[in-house]
Amino acid sequence: MGKQAKLAVLCSEDQLFAEHNGFDWNAIQKAIQYNNNPKHHKVRGASTISQQTAKNVFLWNGRSWFRKGLEVYHTFLIECIWGKRRILETYLNVAEMGNGIFGIQAAARYYYNKDAKQLTKSEAAWIATILPSPKKYSIHKPVRMLHTKHSWILRQMNNLEDDSEIKKLIN
């Protein structure tokens, strides 16, 4: 699938993926504080790539404490059994990356008419840019916020591509 796609989603979705045990406790705490503030009308999440993979592979979409409890259980299992490389590759193979477009290979074909392994840094960053709302946002008609996010992801990719833990995951 190519290292650019792996690097792009790590930079966009979960920069601490190589370091955590499936849960980013600081992000969870910040999300709880944010969501408990009555001024905020939009819910902020704190799911890691591991949690998203567990949800996408084993569970269903939706917000309930029951589903979240099952997600915690499955996240713990895949972290113990699969390991980081398999979790990342599975995420990239099952994540929705456009309306009805599942997986990085399908996204690369749809958006750029090429294999995922051949994506440039910028192309991979564009696909990562529309996550986690691929039905809401479009690479073909990006709003200003998406241009800003794309530029940010590219900067993060340049900053993290030489990190030894990241290299182990993407090579």
C-alpha atoms as a PDB file:
ATOM      1  CA  MET A   1       0.000   0.000   0.000  1.00  0.00           C
ATOM      2  CA  GLY A   2       2.995   2.287   0.137  1.00  0.00           C
ATOM      3  CA  LYS A   3       4.608   4.195   2.935  1.00  0.00           C
ATOM      4  CA  GLN A   4       3.124   7.582   1.984  1.00  0.00           C
ATOM      5  CA  ALA A   5      -0.419   6.418   2.789  1.00  0.00           C
ATOM      6  CA  LYS A   6       0.700   4.943   6.108  1.00  0.00           C
ATOM      7  CA  LEU A   7       2.595   8.077   7.043  1.00  0.00           C
ATOM      8  CA  ALA A   8      -0.292  10.353   6.029  1.00  0.00           C
ATOM      9  CA  VAL A   9      -2.888   8.613   8.200  1.00  0.00           C
ATOM     10  CA  LEU A  10      -0.490   8.396  11.138  1.00  0.00           C
ATOM     11  CA  CYS A  11       0.140  12.135  10.894  1.00  0.00           C
ATOM     12  CA  SER A  12      -3.514  12.964  10.406  1.00  0.00           C
ATOM     13  CA  GLU A  13      -5.263  10.535  12.728  1.00  0.00           C
ATOM     14  CA  ASP A  14      -2.902   9.333  15.468  1.00  0.00           C
ATOM     15  CA  GLN A  15       0.630  10.676  15.812  1.00  0.00           C
ATOM     16  CA  LEU A  16       1.157   8.754  19.051  1.00  0.00           C
ATOM     17  CA  PHE A  17       0.142   5.422  17.486  1.00  0.00           C
ATOM     18  CA  ALA A  18       3.630   3.911  17.859  1.00  0.00           C
ATOM     19  CA  GLU A  19       3.785   4.878  21.537  1.00  0.00           C
ATOM     20  CA  HIS A  20       0.377   4.110  23.065  1.00  0.00           C
ATOM     21  CA  ASN A  21      -1.260   0.837  24.007  1.00  0.00           C
ATOM     22  CA  GLY A  22      -4.346   1.465  21.882  1.00  0.00           C
ATOM     23  CA  PHE A  23      -5.679   4.381  23.920  1.00  0.00           C
ATOM     24  CA  ASP A  24      -4.507   7.991  24.059  1.00  0.00           C
ATOM     25  CA  TRP A  25      -5.447   8.798  27.641  1.00  0.00           C
ATOM     26  CA  ASN A  26      -4.538  12.501  27.347  1.00  0.00           C
ATOM     27  CA  ALA A  27      -6.750  12.894  24.276  1.00  0.00           C
ATOM     28  CA  ILE A  28      -9.578  11.063  26.043  1.00  0.00           C
ATOM     29  CA  GLN A  29      -9.312  13.390  29.040  1.00  0.00           C
ATOM     30  CA  LYS A  30      -9.293  16.476  26.796  1.00  0.00           C
ATOM     31  CA  ALA A  31     -12.328  15.181  24.863  1.00  0.00           C
ATOM     32  CA  ILE A  32     -14.250  14.599  28.103  1.00  0.00           C
ATOM     33  CA  GLN A  33     -13.469  18.132  29.298  1.00  0.00           C
ATOM     34  CA  TYR A  34     -14.412  19.611  25.922  1.00  0.00           C
ATOM     35  CA  ASN A  35     -17.641  17.619  25.636  1.00  0.00           C
ATOM     36  CA  ASN A  36     -18.702  18.504  29.192  1.00  0.00           C
ATOM     37  CA  ASN A  37     -18.570  22.205  28.330  1.00  0.00           C
ATOM     38  CA  PRO A  38     -22.124  23.330  27.414  1.00  0.00           C
ATOM     39  CA  LYS A  39     -20.689  25.957  25.017  1.00  0.00           C
ATOM     40  CA  HIS A  40     -19.537  23.213  22.644  1.00  0.00           C
ATOM     41  CA  HIS A  41     -22.259  21.780  20.433  1.00  0.00           C
ATOM     42  CA  LYS A  42     -20.054  19.455  18.397  1.00  0.00           C
ATOM     43  CA  VAL A  43     -18.813  16.258  20.054  1.00  0.00           C
ATOM     44  CA  ARG A  44     -15.052  15.782  20.040  1.00  0.00           C
ATOM     45  CA  GLY A  45     -13.716  12.255  19.800  1.00  0.00           C
ATOM     46  CA  ALA A  46     -10.413  10.780  20.910  1.00  0.00           C
ATOM     47  CA  SER A  47     -10.273   7.468  19.080  1.00  0.00           C
ATOM     48  CA  THR A  48      -6.906   6.105  18.088  1.00  0.00           C
ATOM     49  CA  ILE A  49      -6.231   4.163  14.899  1.00  0.00           C
ATOM     50  CA  SER A  50      -6.410   1.008  17.019  1.00  0.00           C
ATOM     51  CA  GLN A  51      -9.870   1.928  18.298  1.00  0.00           C
ATOM     52  CA  GLN A  52     -11.082   2.877  14.830  1.00  0.00           C
ATOM     53  CA  THR A  53      -9.793  -0.434  13.475  1.00  0.00           C
ATOM     54  CA  ALA A  54     -11.552  -2.395  16.215  1.00  0.00           C
ATOM     55  CA  LYS A  55     -14.790  -0.531  15.476  1.00  0.00           C
ATOM     56  CA  ASN A  56     -14.506  -0.897  11.691  1.00  0.00           C
ATOM     57  CA  VAL A  57     -13.642  -4.606  11.758  1.00  0.00           C
ATOM     58  CA  PHE A  58     -15.735  -5.949  14.623  1.00  0.00           C
ATOM     59  CA  LEU A  59     -18.477  -3.447  15.455  1.00  0.00           C
ATOM     60  CA  TRP A  60     -20.914  -0.925  14.010  1.00  0.00           C
ATOM     61  CA  ASN A  61     -21.098   2.848  13.779  1.00  0.00           C
ATOM     62  CA  GLY A  62     -22.942   4.748  16.451  1.00  0.00           C
ATOM     63  CA  ARG A  63     -22.498   6.303  19.831  1.00  0.00           C
ATOM     64  CA  SER A  64     -23.482   4.235  22.822  1.00  0.00           C
ATOM     65  CA  TRP A  65     -21.704   3.194  25.988  1.00  0.00           C
ATOM     66  CA  PHE A  66     -22.350  -0.455  25.126  1.00  0.00           C
ATOM     67  CA  ARG A  67     -20.640  -0.172  21.716  1.00  0.00           C
ATOM     68  CA  LYS A  68     -17.808   1.847  23.262  1.00  0.00           C
ATOM     69  CA  GLY A  69     -17.289  -0.871  25.877  1.00  0.00           C
ATOM     70  CA  LEU A  70     -17.045  -3.506  23.151  1.00  0.00           C
ATOM     71  CA  GLU A  71     -14.627  -1.237  21.265  1.00  0.00           C
ATOM     72  CA  VAL A  72     -12.362  -1.047  24.335  1.00  0.00           C
ATOM     73  CA  TYR A  73     -12.379  -4.845  24.617  1.00  0.00           C
ATOM     74  CA  HIS A  74     -11.586  -5.385  20.915  1.00  0.00           C
ATOM     75  CA  THR A  75      -8.940  -2.660  20.922  1.00  0.00           C
ATOM     76  CA  PHE A  76      -7.183  -4.330  23.832  1.00  0.00           C
ATOM     77  CA  LEU A  77      -7.280  -7.698  22.016  1.00  0.00           C
ATOM     78  CA  ILE A  78      -5.911  -6.464  18.688  1.00  0.00           C
ATOM     79  CA  GLU A  79      -3.165  -4.495  20.433  1.00  0.00           C
ATOM     80  CA  CYS A  80      -2.110  -7.691  22.247  1.00  0.00           C
ATOM     81  CA  ILE A  81      -2.490 -10.110  19.346  1.00  0.00           C
ATOM     82  CA  TRP A  82      -1.986  -8.241  16.066  1.00  0.00           C
ATOM     83  CA  GLY A  83       0.640  -5.610  16.773  1.00  0.00           C
ATOM     84  CA  LYS A  84       0.984  -2.114  15.374  1.00  0.00           C
ATOM     85  CA  ARG A  85       1.903  -2.923  11.757  1.00  0.00           C
ATOM     86  CA  ARG A  86      -1.080  -5.214  11.239  1.00  0.00           C
ATOM     87  CA  ILE A  87      -3.444  -2.758  12.952  1.00  0.00           C
ATOM     88  CA  LEU A  88      -2.259   0.072  10.691  1.00  0.00           C
ATOM     89  CA  GLU A  89      -2.519  -2.028   7.530  1.00  0.00           C
ATOM     90  CA  THR A  90      -5.952  -3.313   8.505  1.00  0.00           C
ATOM     91  CA  TYR A  91      -7.137   0.231   9.204  1.00  0.00           C
ATOM     92  CA  LEU A  92      -5.944   1.340   5.780  1.00  0.00           C
ATOM     93  CA  ASN A  93      -7.727  -1.600   4.151  1.00  0.00           C
ATOM     94  CA  VAL A  94     -11.119  -1.134   5.837  1.00  0.00           C
ATOM     95  CA  ALA A  95     -11.534   2.591   6.570  1.00  0.00           C
ATOM     96  CA  GLU A  96     -14.112   4.473   4.553  1.00  0.00           C
ATOM     97  CA  MET A  97     -12.248   7.056   2.472  1.00  0.00           C
ATOM     98  CA  GLY A  98     -15.126   8.444   0.475  1.00  0.00           C
ATOM     99  CA  ASN A  99     -18.805   7.756  -0.003  1.00  0.00           C
ATOM    100  CA  GLY A 100     -18.805   3.973  -0.442  1.00  0.00           C
ATOM    101  CA  ILE A 101     -15.016   3.886  -0.966  1.00  0.00           C
ATOM    102  CA  PHE A 102     -13.398   1.468   1.482  1.00  0.00           C
ATOM    103  CA  GLY A 103      -9.649   1.058   1.828  1.00  0.00           C
ATOM    104  CA  ILE A 104      -6.627   2.936   0.561  1.00  0.00           C
ATOM    105  CA  GLN A 105      -6.382   0.942  -2.664  1.00  0.00           C
ATOM    106  CA  ALA A 106      -9.961   1.796  -3.654  1.00  0.00           C
ATOM    107  CA  ALA A 107      -9.369   5.436  -2.680  1.00  0.00           C
ATOM    108  CA  ALA A 108      -6.157   5.655  -4.724  1.00  0.00           C
ATOM    109  CA  ARG A 109      -7.940   4.153  -7.738  1.00  0.00           C
ATOM    110  CA  TYR A 110     -10.977   6.404  -7.374  1.00  0.00           C
ATOM    111  CA  TYR A 111      -9.218   9.710  -6.695  1.00  0.00           C
ATOM    112  CA  TYR A 112      -5.959   9.301  -8.629  1.00  0.00           C
ATOM    113  CA  ASN A 113      -6.375   6.289 -10.942  1.00  0.00           C
ATOM    114  CA  LYS A 114      -3.293   4.566  -9.521  1.00  0.00           C
ATOM    115  CA  ASP A 115      -2.247   1.940  -7.013  1.00  0.00           C
ATOM    116  CA  ALA A 116      -1.956   3.015  -3.392  1.00  0.00           C
ATOM    117  CA  LYS A 117       1.730   2.138  -3.463  1.00  0.00           C
ATOM    118  CA  GLN A 118       2.267   4.835  -6.115  1.00  0.00           C
ATOM    119  CA  LEU A 119       0.608   7.697  -4.225  1.00  0.00           C
ATOM    120  CA  THR A 120       2.714  10.794  -3.821  1.00  0.00           C
ATOM    121  CA  LYS A 121       3.071  12.433  -0.437  1.00  0.00           C
ATOM    122  CA  SER A 122       0.539  15.103  -1.408  1.00  0.00           C
ATOM    123  CA  GLU A 123      -1.985  12.600  -2.792  1.00  0.00           C
ATOM    124  CA  ALA A 124      -1.790  10.455   0.337  1.00  0.00           C
ATOM    125  CA  ALA A 125      -2.191  13.583   2.454  1.00  0.00           C
ATOM    126  CA  TRP A 126      -5.312  14.563   0.495  1.00  0.00           C
ATOM    127  CA  ILE A 127      -6.908  11.194   1.209  1.00  0.00           C
ATOM    128  CA  ALA A 128      -6.006  11.522   4.900  1.00  0.00           C
ATOM    129  CA  THR A 129      -7.371  15.067   4.883  1.00  0.00           C
ATOM    130  CA  ILE A 130     -10.965  13.956   4.425  1.00  0.00           C
ATOM    131  CA  LEU A 131     -10.774  11.553   7.366  1.00  0.00           C
ATOM    132  CA  PRO A 132     -12.693  11.162   9.630  1.00  0.00           C
ATOM    133  CA  SER A 133     -15.614  12.595   7.592  1.00  0.00           C
ATOM    134  CA  PRO A 134     -15.208  11.144   4.092  1.00  0.00           C
ATOM    135  CA  LYS A 135     -18.923  11.441   3.300  1.00  0.00           C
ATOM    136  CA  LYS A 136     -19.002  15.102   4.290  1.00  0.00           C
ATOM    137  CA  TYR A 137     -15.813  16.293   2.591  1.00  0.00           C
ATOM    138  CA  SER A 138     -14.516  15.852  -0.941  1.00  0.00           C
ATOM    139  CA  ILE A 139     -11.030  15.830  -2.378  1.00  0.00           C
ATOM    140  CA  HIS A 140     -12.534  16.973  -5.678  1.00  0.00           C
ATOM    141  CA  LYS A 141     -14.152  20.089  -4.140  1.00  0.00           C
ATOM    142  CA  PRO A 142     -12.103  20.927  -1.050  1.00  0.00           C
ATOM    143  CA  VAL A 143     -13.221  23.798   1.157  1.00  0.00           C
ATOM    144  CA  ARG A 144     -10.659  26.195   2.637  1.00  0.00           C
ATOM    145  CA  MET A 145     -10.448  24.214   5.885  1.00  0.00           C
ATOM    146  CA  LEU A 146      -9.374  21.128   3.921  1.00  0.00           C
ATOM    147  CA  HIS A 147      -6.594  23.055   2.183  1.00  0.00           C
ATOM    148  CA  THR A 148      -5.351  24.159   5.617  1.00  0.00           C
ATOM    149  CA  LYS A 149      -5.542  20.616   6.987  1.00  0.00           C
ATOM    150  CA  HIS A 150      -3.754  19.215   3.905  1.00  0.00           C
ATOM    151  CA  SER A 151      -0.876  21.652   4.375  1.00  0.00           C
ATOM    152  CA  TRP A 152      -0.691  20.753   8.067  1.00  0.00           C
ATOM    153  CA  ILE A 153      -0.601  17.001   7.297  1.00  0.00           C
ATOM    154  CA  LEU A 154       2.211  17.539   4.765  1.00  0.00           C
ATOM    155  CA  ARG A 155       4.236  19.452   7.378  1.00  0.00           C
ATOM    156  CA  GLN A 156       3.653  16.661   9.894  1.00  0.00           C
ATOM    157  CA  MET A 157       4.707  14.060   7.322  1.00  0.00           C
ATOM    158  CA  ASN A 158       7.945  15.955   6.719  1.00  0.00           C
ATOM    159  CA  ASN A 159       8.538  16.203  10.477  1.00  0.00           C
ATOM    160  CA  LEU A 160       7.806  12.564  11.301  1.00  0.00           C
ATOM    161  CA  GLU A 161       9.061  10.589   8.311  1.00  0.00           C
ATOM    162  CA  ASP A 162      12.541  10.237   9.834  1.00  0.00           C
ATOM    163  CA  ASP A 163      11.321   9.175  13.284  1.00  0.00           C
ATOM    164  CA  SER A 164      12.706   5.698  14.001  1.00  0.00           C
ATOM    165  CA  GLU A 165       9.443   4.287  15.412  1.00  0.00           C
ATOM    166  CA  ILE A 166       7.445   5.648  12.470  1.00  0.00           C
ATOM    167  CA  LYS A 167       9.972   4.204  10.001  1.00  0.00           C
ATOM    168  CA  LYS A 168       9.483   0.743  11.539  1.00  0.00           C
ATOM    169  CA  LEU A 169       5.734   1.008  10.984  1.00  0.00           C
ATOM    170  CA  ILE A 170       5.714   2.342   7.434  1.00  0.00           C
ATOM    171  CA  ASN A 171       8.593   0.443   5.798  1.00  0.00           C
END
